[in-house]
Amino acid sequence: MITAAELQTMRDALQRAIFSGTRRVQFTDRAVEYNSVDDMRKALADIDKAIATASGSTPSSFSLAMHSRD
């Protein structure tokens, strides 16, 4: 099983890649190339959930509503 520390390392690498505009992420023993930034963000959300589960907490969530008057 992956530890919370390993998940955090993976999260950090993925977040650095997103911020730098790179779609290829190198983890300790493998590299992953994502098709899009959206795929990377989905993976980041999955890692966040896994970190929350491993640490015994629940991930924070929020909703964003946009309204427009036309």
N, C-alpha and C. Protein backbone atom coordinates (compact mmCIF):
# COMPACT_ATOMS: atom_id res chain seq x y z
N MET A 1 0.84 -1.18 0.00
CA MET A 1 0.00 0.00 0.00
C MET A 1 0.88 1.24 0.00
N ILE A 2 0.44 2.26 -0.69
CA ILE A 2 1.18 3.50 -0.78
C ILE A 2 0.96 4.32 0.49
N THR A 3 2.03 4.87 1.04
CA THR A 3 1.92 5.66 2.26
C THR A 3 1.49 7.09 1.93
N ALA A 4 1.03 7.79 2.95
CA ALA A 4 0.63 9.19 2.77
C ALA A 4 1.82 10.03 2.30
N ALA A 5 3.01 9.72 2.78
CA ALA A 5 4.20 10.47 2.37
C ALA A 5 4.51 10.24 0.89
N GLU A 6 4.36 9.01 0.42
CA GLU A 6 4.57 8.71 -1.01
C GLU A 6 3.52 9.42 -1.86
N LEU A 7 2.29 9.41 -1.40
CA LEU A 7 1.22 10.11 -2.12
C LEU A 7 1.51 11.61 -2.19
N GLN A 8 2.01 12.16 -1.10
CA GLN A 8 2.32 13.60 -1.08
C GLN A 8 3.45 13.91 -2.06
N THR A 9 4.43 13.03 -2.16
CA THR A 9 5.53 13.22 -3.12
C THR A 9 4.99 13.17 -4.54
N MET A 10 4.09 12.23 -4.81
CA MET A 10 3.47 12.15 -6.13
C MET A 10 2.66 13.41 -6.42
N ARG A 11 1.93 13.88 -5.42
CA ARG A 11 1.11 15.08 -5.58
C ARG A 11 1.99 16.30 -5.90
N ASP A 12 3.08 16.42 -5.17
CA ASP A 12 3.99 17.55 -5.39
C ASP A 12 4.55 17.53 -6.81
N ALA A 13 4.96 16.35 -7.29
CA ALA A 13 5.51 16.23 -8.64
C ALA A 13 4.45 16.57 -9.69
N LEU A 14 3.25 16.10 -9.48
CA LEU A 14 2.16 16.37 -10.42
C LEU A 14 1.81 17.86 -10.44
N GLN A 15 1.76 18.45 -9.28
CA GLN A 15 1.44 19.88 -9.20
C GLN A 15 2.54 20.73 -9.85
N ARG A 16 3.80 20.37 -9.64
CA ARG A 16 4.89 21.09 -10.30
C ARG A 16 4.77 21.00 -11.81
N ALA A 17 4.41 19.83 -12.30
CA ALA A 17 4.26 19.64 -13.75
C ALA A 17 3.11 20.50 -14.29
N ILE A 18 2.00 20.53 -13.58
CA ILE A 18 0.86 21.33 -14.02
C ILE A 18 1.26 22.80 -14.09
N PHE A 19 1.92 23.29 -13.05
CA PHE A 19 2.30 24.70 -13.00
C PHE A 19 3.35 25.06 -14.04
N SER A 20 4.18 24.10 -14.41
CA SER A 20 5.24 24.40 -15.38
C SER A 20 4.79 24.16 -16.82
N GLY A 21 3.60 23.60 -17.00
CA GLY A 21 3.10 23.35 -18.35
C GLY A 21 3.60 22.06 -18.97
N THR A 22 4.15 21.19 -18.16
CA THR A 22 4.66 19.91 -18.63
C THR A 22 3.61 18.83 -18.42
N ARG A 23 3.48 17.93 -19.37
CA ARG A 23 2.50 16.84 -19.22
C ARG A 23 3.15 15.53 -18.81
N ARG A 24 4.45 15.51 -18.69
CA ARG A 24 5.16 14.30 -18.29
C ARG A 24 5.63 14.46 -16.84
N VAL A 25 5.32 13.46 -16.02
CA VAL A 25 5.66 13.49 -14.61
C VAL A 25 6.51 12.28 -14.28
N GLN A 26 7.62 12.52 -13.60
CA GLN A 26 8.51 11.43 -13.18
C GLN A 26 8.28 11.17 -11.70
N PHE A 27 7.84 9.97 -11.40
CA PHE A 27 7.72 9.55 -10.01
C PHE A 27 8.96 8.73 -9.69
N THR A 28 9.05 8.17 -8.52
CA THR A 28 10.27 7.49 -8.10
C THR A 28 10.70 6.39 -9.06
N ASP A 29 9.78 5.55 -9.47
CA ASP A 29 10.16 4.40 -10.30
C ASP A 29 9.52 4.38 -11.69
N ARG A 30 8.80 5.43 -12.04
CA ARG A 30 8.15 5.43 -13.35
C ARG A 30 7.83 6.85 -13.79
N ALA A 31 7.56 6.97 -15.07
CA ALA A 31 7.16 8.26 -15.64
C ALA A 31 5.77 8.10 -16.25
N VAL A 32 4.99 9.15 -16.16
CA VAL A 32 3.64 9.15 -16.71
C VAL A 32 3.50 10.38 -17.60
N GLU A 33 2.97 10.19 -18.79
CA GLU A 33 2.68 11.32 -19.66
C GLU A 33 1.17 11.41 -19.81
N TYR A 34 0.62 12.55 -19.44
CA TYR A 34 -0.81 12.77 -19.47
C TYR A 34 -1.22 13.37 -20.81
N ASN A 35 -2.45 13.11 -21.22
CA ASN A 35 -2.96 13.63 -22.48
C ASN A 35 -3.32 15.11 -22.41
N SER A 36 -3.73 15.55 -21.23
CA SER A 36 -4.18 16.94 -21.10
C SER A 36 -4.01 17.41 -19.66
N VAL A 37 -4.10 18.70 -19.48
CA VAL A 37 -4.06 19.28 -18.14
C VAL A 37 -5.29 18.82 -17.35
N ASP A 38 -6.41 18.66 -18.02
CA ASP A 38 -7.61 18.16 -17.32
C ASP A 38 -7.36 16.77 -16.73
N ASP A 39 -6.69 15.90 -17.49
CA ASP A 39 -6.35 14.58 -16.97
C ASP A 39 -5.44 14.70 -15.74
N MET A 40 -4.53 15.65 -15.80
CA MET A 40 -3.62 15.86 -14.67
C MET A 40 -4.38 16.36 -13.44
N ARG A 41 -5.34 17.24 -13.66
CA ARG A 41 -6.13 17.76 -12.54
C ARG A 41 -7.01 16.67 -11.93
N LYS A 42 -7.52 15.79 -12.77
CA LYS A 42 -8.31 14.65 -12.26
C LYS A 42 -7.43 13.73 -11.43
N ALA A 43 -6.21 13.49 -11.90
CA ALA A 43 -5.27 12.66 -11.15
C ALA A 43 -4.91 13.32 -9.83
N LEU A 44 -4.74 14.63 -9.84
CA LEU A 44 -4.44 15.38 -8.63
C LEU A 44 -5.59 15.25 -7.62
N ALA A 45 -6.81 15.33 -8.10
CA ALA A 45 -7.98 15.17 -7.22
C ALA A 45 -8.02 13.76 -6.63
N ASP A 46 -7.69 12.76 -7.45
CA ASP A 46 -7.65 11.37 -6.97
C ASP A 46 -6.59 11.19 -5.89
N ILE A 47 -5.43 11.82 -6.11
CA ILE A 47 -4.36 11.73 -5.12
C ILE A 47 -4.78 12.42 -3.83
N ASP A 48 -5.44 13.58 -3.95
CA ASP A 48 -5.92 14.28 -2.76
C ASP A 48 -6.87 13.40 -1.95
N LYS A 49 -7.76 12.71 -2.64
CA LYS A 49 -8.70 11.80 -1.96
C LYS A 49 -7.94 10.67 -1.27
N ALA A 50 -6.95 10.12 -1.95
CA ALA A 50 -6.16 9.03 -1.38
C ALA A 50 -5.37 9.51 -0.16
N ILE A 51 -4.83 10.72 -0.22
CA ILE A 51 -4.11 11.28 0.93
C ILE A 51 -5.06 11.45 2.10
N ALA A 52 -6.25 11.97 1.83
CA ALA A 52 -7.24 12.16 2.89
C ALA A 52 -7.62 10.83 3.52
N THR A 53 -7.80 9.82 2.70
CA THR A 53 -8.15 8.49 3.21
C THR A 53 -7.01 7.91 4.04
N ALA A 54 -5.79 8.05 3.54
CA ALA A 54 -4.62 7.50 4.25
C ALA A 54 -4.38 8.21 5.58
N SER A 55 -4.72 9.49 5.64
CA SER A 55 -4.49 10.25 6.86
C SER A 55 -5.70 10.23 7.80
N GLY A 56 -6.78 9.62 7.35
CA GLY A 56 -7.97 9.50 8.19
C GLY A 56 -8.84 10.73 8.22
N SER A 57 -8.64 11.64 7.28
CA SER A 57 -9.49 12.83 7.23
C SER A 57 -10.31 12.81 5.95
N THR A 58 -11.17 13.77 5.82
CA THR A 58 -11.96 13.87 4.61
C THR A 58 -11.46 15.04 3.79
N PRO A 59 -11.42 14.90 2.48
CA PRO A 59 -10.96 16.01 1.65
C PRO A 59 -11.94 17.17 1.69
N SER A 60 -11.39 18.37 1.63
CA SER A 60 -12.28 19.52 1.58
C SER A 60 -12.86 19.63 0.18
N SER A 61 -14.06 20.14 0.12
CA SER A 61 -14.69 20.31 -1.19
C SER A 61 -15.45 21.63 -1.17
N PHE A 62 -15.70 22.14 -2.34
CA PHE A 62 -16.46 23.36 -2.45
C PHE A 62 -17.19 23.35 -3.77
N SER A 63 -18.18 24.20 -3.85
CA SER A 63 -18.94 24.35 -5.08
C SER A 63 -18.79 25.78 -5.56
N LEU A 64 -18.71 25.92 -6.84
CA LEU A 64 -18.60 27.24 -7.45
C LEU A 64 -19.81 27.45 -8.34
N ALA A 65 -20.54 28.49 -8.05
CA ALA A 65 -21.72 28.80 -8.86
C ALA A 65 -21.47 30.12 -9.56
N MET A 66 -21.80 30.16 -10.82
CA MET A 66 -21.66 31.39 -11.58
C MET A 66 -23.03 31.80 -12.08
N HIS A 67 -23.36 33.04 -11.91
CA HIS A 67 -24.65 33.55 -12.35
C HIS A 67 -24.40 34.72 -13.28
N SER A 68 -25.27 34.86 -14.24
CA SER A 68 -25.14 35.94 -15.18
C SER A 68 -26.50 36.53 -15.47
N ARG A 69 -26.52 37.83 -15.57
CA ARG A 69 -27.76 38.50 -16.00
C ARG A 69 -27.54 38.97 -17.40
N ASP A 70 -28.33 38.47 -18.28
CA ASP A 70 -28.21 38.86 -19.69
C ASP A 70 -29.28 39.81 -20.09
